[in-house]
Amino acid sequence: MATPHSKPATAFRSGNVNAAIWENTGEKGAFFSVTFSRPYKDAQGKWKVSSSYGLNDLDSLSSLAELAKGWVRGHSLQ
């Protein structure tokens, strides 16, 4: 998995949801993984990140999953 200070291979955003695609290396070579997140401000106005999604986030999450799937497929064939 990626280290906390590494950058994703690419990232996408839709609405309040973000997708990050990470390039990893395993025993069989390079592979990609995808993480999804939803940033929000807490009661004190500080930015936090959640992996919980409400009804209004699901369309964005679904769109990002499809976009990420296409990106990973395209880059995995190279």
PDB file of N, CA and C in Angstrom:
ATOM      1  N   MET A   1       0.836  -1.176   0.000  1.00  0.00           N
ATOM      2  CA  MET A   1       0.000   0.000   0.000  1.00  0.00           C
ATOM      3  C   MET A   1       0.875   1.232   0.000  1.00  0.00           C
ATOM      4  N   ALA A   2       0.317   2.327  -0.397  1.00  0.00           N
ATOM      5  CA  ALA A   2       1.068   3.579  -0.478  1.00  0.00           C
ATOM      6  C   ALA A   2       1.428   4.087   0.909  1.00  0.00           C
ATOM      7  N   THR A   3       2.557   4.765   0.991  1.00  0.00           N
ATOM      8  CA  THR A   3       2.950   5.371   2.254  1.00  0.00           C
ATOM      9  C   THR A   3       2.179   6.667   2.446  1.00  0.00           C
ATOM     10  N   PRO A   4       2.067   7.167   3.676  1.00  0.00           N
ATOM     11  CA  PRO A   4       1.271   8.362   3.912  1.00  0.00           C
ATOM     12  C   PRO A   4       1.737   9.598   3.130  1.00  0.00           C
ATOM     13  N   HIS A   5       3.012   9.647   2.718  1.00  0.00           N
ATOM     14  CA  HIS A   5       3.514  10.829   2.026  1.00  0.00           C
ATOM     15  C   HIS A   5       3.628  10.635   0.520  1.00  0.00           C
ATOM     16  N   SER A   6       3.252   9.482   0.012  1.00  0.00           N
ATOM     17  CA  SER A   6       3.338   9.283  -1.429  1.00  0.00           C
ATOM     18  C   SER A   6       2.113   9.903  -2.106  1.00  0.00           C
ATOM     19  N   LYS A   7       2.241  10.145  -3.398  1.00  0.00           N
ATOM     20  CA  LYS A   7       1.149  10.729  -4.165  1.00  0.00           C
ATOM     21  C   LYS A   7       0.457   9.643  -4.975  1.00  0.00           C
ATOM     22  N   PRO A   8      -0.841   9.799  -5.209  1.00  0.00           N
ATOM     23  CA  PRO A   8      -1.537   8.828  -6.055  1.00  0.00           C
ATOM     24  C   PRO A   8      -1.085   8.950  -7.506  1.00  0.00           C
ATOM     25  N   ALA A   9      -1.267   7.871  -8.257  1.00  0.00           N
ATOM     26  CA  ALA A   9      -0.965   7.889  -9.689  1.00  0.00           C
ATOM     27  C   ALA A   9      -1.873   8.889 -10.392  1.00  0.00           C
ATOM     28  N   THR A  10      -3.113   8.973  -9.941  1.00  0.00           N
ATOM     29  CA  THR A  10      -4.069   9.970 -10.433  1.00  0.00           C
ATOM     30  C   THR A  10      -5.189  10.075  -9.418  1.00  0.00           C
ATOM     31  N   ALA A  11      -6.005  11.098  -9.563  1.00  0.00           N
ATOM     32  CA  ALA A  11      -7.135  11.302  -8.659  1.00  0.00           C
ATOM     33  C   ALA A  11      -8.282  11.931  -9.430  1.00  0.00           C
ATOM     34  N   PHE A  12      -9.491  11.659  -8.967  1.00  0.00           N
ATOM     35  CA  PHE A  12     -10.695  12.197  -9.583  1.00  0.00           C
ATOM     36  C   PHE A  12     -11.609  12.717  -8.484  1.00  0.00           C
ATOM     37  N   ARG A  13     -12.472  13.661  -8.854  1.00  0.00           N
ATOM     38  CA  ARG A  13     -13.445  14.197  -7.905  1.00  0.00           C
ATOM     39  C   ARG A  13     -14.792  14.323  -8.595  1.00  0.00           C
ATOM     40  N   SER A  14     -15.834  13.990  -7.856  1.00  0.00           N
ATOM     41  CA  SER A  14     -17.204  14.184  -8.331  1.00  0.00           C
ATOM     42  C   SER A  14     -18.035  14.600  -7.126  1.00  0.00           C
ATOM     43  N   GLY A  15     -18.631  15.763  -7.196  1.00  0.00           N
ATOM     44  CA  GLY A  15     -19.396  16.257  -6.055  1.00  0.00           C
ATOM     45  C   GLY A  15     -18.502  16.364  -4.833  1.00  0.00           C
ATOM     46  N   ASN A  16     -18.920  15.747  -3.740  1.00  0.00           N
ATOM     47  CA  ASN A  16     -18.152  15.776  -2.497  1.00  0.00           C
ATOM     48  C   ASN A  16     -17.243  14.562  -2.331  1.00  0.00           C
ATOM     49  N   VAL A  17     -17.135  13.730  -3.341  1.00  0.00           N
ATOM     50  CA  VAL A  17     -16.402  12.471  -3.219  1.00  0.00           C
ATOM     51  C   VAL A  17     -15.125  12.509  -4.053  1.00  0.00           C
ATOM     52  N   ASN A  18     -14.054  11.983  -3.494  1.00  0.00           N
ATOM     53  CA  ASN A  18     -12.762  11.880  -4.180  1.00  0.00           C
ATOM     54  C   ASN A  18     -12.394  10.415  -4.377  1.00  0.00           C
ATOM     55  N   ALA A  19     -11.698  10.148  -5.468  1.00  0.00           N
ATOM     56  CA  ALA A  19     -11.120   8.828  -5.717  1.00  0.00           C
ATOM     57  C   ALA A  19      -9.634   9.024  -5.986  1.00  0.00           C
ATOM     58  N   ALA A  20      -8.818   8.219  -5.350  1.00  0.00           N
ATOM     59  CA  ALA A  20      -7.372   8.250  -5.588  1.00  0.00           C
ATOM     60  C   ALA A  20      -6.949   6.864  -6.048  1.00  0.00           C
ATOM     61  N   ILE A  21      -6.143   6.815  -7.104  1.00  0.00           N
ATOM     62  CA  ILE A  21      -5.645   5.539  -7.618  1.00  0.00           C
ATOM     63  C   ILE A  21      -4.163   5.453  -7.285  1.00  0.00           C
ATOM     64  N   TRP A  22      -3.810   4.380  -6.604  1.00  0.00           N
ATOM     65  CA  TRP A  22      -2.448   4.177  -6.104  1.00  0.00           C
ATOM     66  C   TRP A  22      -1.757   3.065  -6.857  1.00  0.00           C
ATOM     67  N   GLU A  23      -0.510   3.294  -7.235  1.00  0.00           N
ATOM     68  CA  GLU A  23       0.290   2.238  -7.860  1.00  0.00           C
ATOM     69  C   GLU A  23       1.091   1.552  -6.767  1.00  0.00           C
ATOM     70  N   ASN A  24       0.984   0.250  -6.719  1.00  0.00           N
ATOM     71  CA  ASN A  24       1.660  -0.560  -5.712  1.00  0.00           C
ATOM     72  C   ASN A  24       2.537  -1.592  -6.401  1.00  0.00           C
ATOM     73  N   THR A  25       3.455  -2.162  -5.667  1.00  0.00           N
ATOM     74  CA  THR A  25       4.301  -3.225  -6.194  1.00  0.00           C
ATOM     75  C   THR A  25       4.176  -4.437  -5.286  1.00  0.00           C
ATOM     76  N   GLY A  26       3.907  -5.582  -5.892  1.00  0.00           N
ATOM     77  CA  GLY A  26       3.795  -6.824  -5.144  1.00  0.00           C
ATOM     78  C   GLY A  26       4.731  -7.866  -5.724  1.00  0.00           C
ATOM     79  N   GLU A  27       4.588  -9.073  -5.260  1.00  0.00           N
ATOM     80  CA  GLU A  27       5.428 -10.181  -5.722  1.00  0.00           C
ATOM     81  C   GLU A  27       5.292 -10.420  -7.221  1.00  0.00           C
ATOM     82  N   LYS A  28       4.108 -10.133  -7.755  1.00  0.00           N
ATOM     83  CA  LYS A  28       3.862 -10.359  -9.181  1.00  0.00           C
ATOM     84  C   LYS A  28       4.020  -9.091 -10.011  1.00  0.00           C
ATOM     85  N   GLY A  29       4.551  -8.030  -9.418  1.00  0.00           N
ATOM     86  CA  GLY A  29       4.771  -6.790 -10.152  1.00  0.00           C
ATOM     87  C   GLY A  29       3.839  -5.684  -9.707  1.00  0.00           C
ATOM     88  N   ALA A  30       3.717  -4.672 -10.547  1.00  0.00           N
ATOM     89  CA  ALA A  30       2.918  -3.496 -10.221  1.00  0.00           C
ATOM     90  C   ALA A  30       1.420  -3.789 -10.351  1.00  0.00           C
ATOM     91  N   PHE A  31       0.644  -3.133  -9.493  1.00  0.00           N
ATOM     92  CA  PHE A  31      -0.812  -3.220  -9.562  1.00  0.00           C
ATOM     93  C   PHE A  31      -1.377  -1.924  -8.985  1.00  0.00           C
ATOM     94  N   PHE A  32      -2.650  -1.672  -9.222  1.00  0.00           N
ATOM     95  CA  PHE A  32      -3.298  -0.454  -8.759  1.00  0.00           C
ATOM     96  C   PHE A  32      -4.373  -0.776  -7.733  1.00  0.00           C
ATOM     97  N   SER A  33      -4.583   0.146  -6.817  1.00  0.00           N
ATOM     98  CA  SER A  33      -5.703   0.069  -5.886  1.00  0.00           C
ATOM     99  C   SER A  33      -6.362   1.435  -5.839  1.00  0.00           C
ATOM    100  N   VAL A  34      -7.614   1.463  -5.430  1.00  0.00           N
ATOM    101  CA  VAL A  34      -8.387   2.705  -5.431  1.00  0.00           C
ATOM    102  C   VAL A  34      -8.941   2.954  -4.033  1.00  0.00           C
ATOM    103  N   THR A  35      -8.824   4.197  -3.572  1.00  0.00           N
ATOM    104  CA  THR A  35      -9.447   4.601  -2.318  1.00  0.00           C
ATOM    105  C   THR A  35     -10.442   5.714  -2.612  1.00  0.00           C
ATOM    106  N   PHE A  36     -11.519   5.734  -1.844  1.00  0.00           N
ATOM    107  CA  PHE A  36     -12.542   6.757  -1.970  1.00  0.00           C
ATOM    108  C   PHE A  36     -12.637   7.501  -0.647  1.00  0.00           C
ATOM    109  N   SER A  37     -12.896   8.795  -0.724  1.00  0.00           N
ATOM    110  CA  SER A  37     -13.015   9.589   0.497  1.00  0.00           C
ATOM    111  C   SER A  37     -13.977  10.742   0.290  1.00  0.00           C
ATOM    112  N   ARG A  38     -14.457  11.262   1.416  1.00  0.00           N
ATOM    113  CA  ARG A  38     -15.367  12.403   1.380  1.00  0.00           C
ATOM    114  C   ARG A  38     -14.895  13.410   2.431  1.00  0.00           C
ATOM    115  N   PRO A  39     -14.278  14.508   2.003  1.00  0.00           N
ATOM    116  CA  PRO A  39     -13.850  15.515   2.970  1.00  0.00           C
ATOM    117  C   PRO A  39     -15.054  16.305   3.505  1.00  0.00           C
ATOM    118  N   TYR A  40     -14.946  16.746   4.752  1.00  0.00           N
ATOM    119  CA  TYR A  40     -15.992  17.567   5.359  1.00  0.00           C
ATOM    120  C   TYR A  40     -15.377  18.400   6.480  1.00  0.00           C
ATOM    121  N   LYS A  41     -16.063  19.441   6.867  1.00  0.00           N
ATOM    122  CA  LYS A  41     -15.629  20.261   7.996  1.00  0.00           C
ATOM    123  C   LYS A  41     -16.396  19.845   9.242  1.00  0.00           C
ATOM    124  N   ASP A  42     -15.655  19.694  10.361  1.00  0.00           N
ATOM    125  CA  ASP A  42     -16.313  19.341  11.616  1.00  0.00           C
ATOM    126  C   ASP A  42     -16.925  20.588  12.268  1.00  0.00           C
ATOM    127  N   ALA A  43     -17.491  20.429  13.441  1.00  0.00           N
ATOM    128  CA  ALA A  43     -18.173  21.532  14.126  1.00  0.00           C
ATOM    129  C   ALA A  43     -17.238  22.700  14.429  1.00  0.00           C
ATOM    130  N   GLN A  44     -15.940  22.419  14.543  1.00  0.00           N
ATOM    131  CA  GLN A  44     -14.957  23.469  14.807  1.00  0.00           C
ATOM    132  C   GLN A  44     -14.396  24.078  13.530  1.00  0.00           C
ATOM    133  N   GLY A  45     -14.864  23.633  12.387  1.00  0.00           N
ATOM    134  CA  GLY A  45     -14.408  24.181  11.110  1.00  0.00           C
ATOM    135  C   GLY A  45     -13.131  23.545  10.585  1.00  0.00           C
ATOM    136  N   LYS A  46     -12.684  22.448  11.205  1.00  0.00           N
ATOM    137  CA  LYS A  46     -11.475  21.757  10.750  1.00  0.00           C
ATOM    138  C   LYS A  46     -11.847  20.693   9.728  1.00  0.00           C
ATOM    139  N   TRP A  47     -10.991  20.564   8.695  1.00  0.00           N
ATOM    140  CA  TRP A  47     -11.246  19.571   7.657  1.00  0.00           C
ATOM    141  C   TRP A  47     -10.948  18.174   8.177  1.00  0.00           C
ATOM    142  N   LYS A  48     -11.857  17.254   7.900  1.00  0.00           N
ATOM    143  CA  LYS A  48     -11.730  15.835   8.229  1.00  0.00           C
ATOM    144  C   LYS A  48     -12.026  15.034   6.960  1.00  0.00           C
ATOM    145  N   VAL A  49     -11.728  13.750   7.006  1.00  0.00           N
ATOM    146  CA  VAL A  49     -12.000  12.873   5.861  1.00  0.00           C
ATOM    147  C   VAL A  49     -12.790  11.679   6.350  1.00  0.00           C
ATOM    148  N   SER A  50     -13.821  11.337   5.618  1.00  0.00           N
ATOM    149  CA  SER A  50     -14.676  10.203   5.971  1.00  0.00           C
ATOM    150  C   SER A  50     -14.710   9.196   4.829  1.00  0.00           C
ATOM    151  N   SER A  51     -14.961   7.953   5.187  1.00  0.00           N
ATOM    152  CA  SER A  51     -15.199   6.921   4.171  1.00  0.00           C
ATOM    153  C   SER A  51     -16.645   6.443   4.273  1.00  0.00           C
ATOM    154  N   SER A  52     -17.491   7.290   4.825  1.00  0.00           N
ATOM    155  CA  SER A  52     -18.913   7.021   4.951  1.00  0.00           C
ATOM    156  C   SER A  52     -19.647   7.930   3.965  1.00  0.00           C
ATOM    157  N   TYR A  53     -20.676   7.381   3.302  1.00  0.00           N
ATOM    158  CA  TYR A  53     -21.343   8.125   2.241  1.00  0.00           C
ATOM    159  C   TYR A  53     -22.845   8.125   2.456  1.00  0.00           C
ATOM    160  N   GLY A  54     -23.452   9.283   2.268  1.00  0.00           N
ATOM    161  CA  GLY A  54     -24.894   9.412   2.369  1.00  0.00           C
ATOM    162  C   GLY A  54     -25.551   9.239   1.009  1.00  0.00           C
ATOM    163  N   LEU A  55     -26.857   9.287   1.020  1.00  0.00           N
ATOM    164  CA  LEU A  55     -27.632   9.113  -0.209  1.00  0.00           C
ATOM    165  C   LEU A  55     -27.189  10.087  -1.293  1.00  0.00           C
ATOM    166  N   ASN A  56     -26.919  11.327  -0.936  1.00  0.00           N
ATOM    167  CA  ASN A  56     -26.534  12.337  -1.926  1.00  0.00           C
ATOM    168  C   ASN A  56     -25.147  12.097  -2.512  1.00  0.00           C
ATOM    169  N   ASP A  57     -24.340  11.241  -1.887  1.00  0.00           N
ATOM    170  CA  ASP A  57     -22.990  10.950  -2.378  1.00  0.00           C
ATOM    171  C   ASP A  57     -22.930   9.726  -3.294  1.00  0.00           C
ATOM    172  N   LEU A  58     -23.969   8.912  -3.295  1.00  0.00           N
ATOM    173  CA  LEU A  58     -23.885   7.611  -3.969  1.00  0.00           C
ATOM    174  C   LEU A  58     -23.749   7.707  -5.480  1.00  0.00           C
ATOM    175  N   ASP A  59     -24.406   8.680  -6.107  1.00  0.00           N
ATOM    176  CA  ASP A  59     -24.243   8.837  -7.560  1.00  0.00           C
ATOM    177  C   ASP A  59     -22.799   9.207  -7.894  1.00  0.00           C
ATOM    178  N   SER A  60     -22.211  10.110  -7.112  1.00  0.00           N
ATOM    179  CA  SER A  60     -20.813  10.495  -7.323  1.00  0.00           C
ATOM    180  C   SER A  60     -19.892   9.312  -7.094  1.00  0.00           C
ATOM    181  N   LEU A  61     -20.139   8.561  -6.045  1.00  0.00           N
ATOM    182  CA  LEU A  61     -19.322   7.392  -5.735  1.00  0.00           C
ATOM    183  C   LEU A  61     -19.389   6.372  -6.867  1.00  0.00           C
ATOM    184  N   SER A  62     -20.577   6.129  -7.375  1.00  0.00           N
ATOM    185  CA  SER A  62     -20.757   5.188  -8.478  1.00  0.00           C
ATOM    186  C   SER A  62     -20.033   5.667  -9.738  1.00  0.00           C
ATOM    187  N   SER A  63     -20.169   6.930 -10.060  1.00  0.00           N
ATOM    188  CA  SER A  63     -19.499   7.488 -11.246  1.00  0.00           C
ATOM    189  C   SER A  63     -17.986   7.392 -11.109  1.00  0.00           C
ATOM    190  N   LEU A  64     -17.472   7.709  -9.923  1.00  0.00           N
ATOM    191  CA  LEU A  64     -16.027   7.638  -9.703  1.00  0.00           C
ATOM    192  C   LEU A  64     -15.520   6.204  -9.768  1.00  0.00           C
ATOM    193  N   ALA A  65     -16.306   5.258  -9.281  1.00  0.00           N
ATOM    194  CA  ALA A  65     -15.896   3.849  -9.346  1.00  0.00           C
ATOM    195  C   ALA A  65     -15.764   3.406 -10.801  1.00  0.00           C
ATOM    196  N   GLU A  66     -16.706   3.800 -11.645  1.00  0.00           N
ATOM    197  CA  GLU A  66     -16.636   3.456 -13.065  1.00  0.00           C
ATOM    198  C   GLU A  66     -15.446   4.134 -13.741  1.00  0.00           C
ATOM    199  N   LEU A  67     -15.227   5.394 -13.432  1.00  0.00           N
ATOM    200  CA  LEU A  67     -14.100   6.140 -13.989  1.00  0.00           C
ATOM    201  C   LEU A  67     -12.773   5.508 -13.558  1.00  0.00           C
ATOM    202  N   ALA A  68     -12.670   5.167 -12.286  1.00  0.00           N
ATOM    203  CA  ALA A  68     -11.449   4.536 -11.774  1.00  0.00           C
ATOM    204  C   ALA A  68     -11.230   3.171 -12.411  1.00  0.00           C
ATOM    205  N   LYS A  69     -12.295   2.409 -12.580  1.00  0.00           N
ATOM    206  CA  LYS A  69     -12.181   1.094 -13.209  1.00  0.00           C
ATOM    207  C   LYS A  69     -11.632   1.212 -14.625  1.00  0.00           C
ATOM    208  N   GLY A  70     -12.143   2.165 -15.387  1.00  0.00           N
ATOM    209  CA  GLY A  70     -11.644   2.369 -16.744  1.00  0.00           C
ATOM    210  C   GLY A  70     -10.190   2.803 -16.763  1.00  0.00           C
ATOM    211  N   TRP A  71      -9.804   3.679 -15.839  1.00  0.00           N
ATOM    212  CA  TRP A  71      -8.427   4.148 -15.785  1.00  0.00           C
ATOM    213  C   TRP A  71      -7.486   2.992 -15.441  1.00  0.00           C
ATOM    214  N   VAL A  72      -7.853   2.213 -14.444  1.00  0.00           N
ATOM    215  CA  VAL A  72      -6.997   1.083 -14.038  1.00  0.00           C
ATOM    216  C   VAL A  72      -6.904   0.063 -15.162  1.00  0.00           C
ATOM    217  N   ARG A  73      -8.008  -0.255 -15.805  1.00  0.00           N
ATOM    218  CA  ARG A  73      -7.969  -1.194 -16.939  1.00  0.00           C
ATOM    219  C   ARG A  73      -7.040  -0.695 -18.012  1.00  0.00           C
ATOM    220  N   GLY A  74      -7.149   0.557 -18.373  1.00  0.00           N
ATOM    221  CA  GLY A  74      -6.320   1.138 -19.424  1.00  0.00           C
ATOM    222  C   GLY A  74      -4.844   1.141 -19.090  1.00  0.00           C
ATOM    223  N   HIS A  75      -4.516   1.365 -17.831  1.00  0.00           N
ATOM    224  CA  HIS A  75      -3.120   1.416 -17.436  1.00  0.00           C
ATOM    225  C   HIS A  75      -2.549   0.054 -17.064  1.00  0.00           C
ATOM    226  N   SER A  76      -3.409  -0.897 -16.787  1.00  0.00           N
ATOM    227  CA  SER A  76      -2.948  -2.243 -16.466  1.00  0.00           C
ATOM    228  C   SER A  76      -2.549  -3.011 -17.723  1.00  0.00           C
ATOM    229  N   LEU A  77      -3.070  -2.601 -18.886  1.00  0.00           N
ATOM    230  CA  LEU A  77      -2.776  -3.299 -20.139  1.00  0.00           C
ATOM    231  C   LEU A  77      -1.438  -2.874 -20.721  1.00  0.00           C
ATOM    232  N   GLN A  78      -0.867  -1.788 -20.220  1.00  0.00           N
ATOM    233  CA  GLN A  78       0.382  -1.264 -20.777  1.00  0.00           C
ATOM    234  C   GLN A  78       1.566  -2.095 -20.344  1.00  0.00           C
TER     235      GLN A  78
END
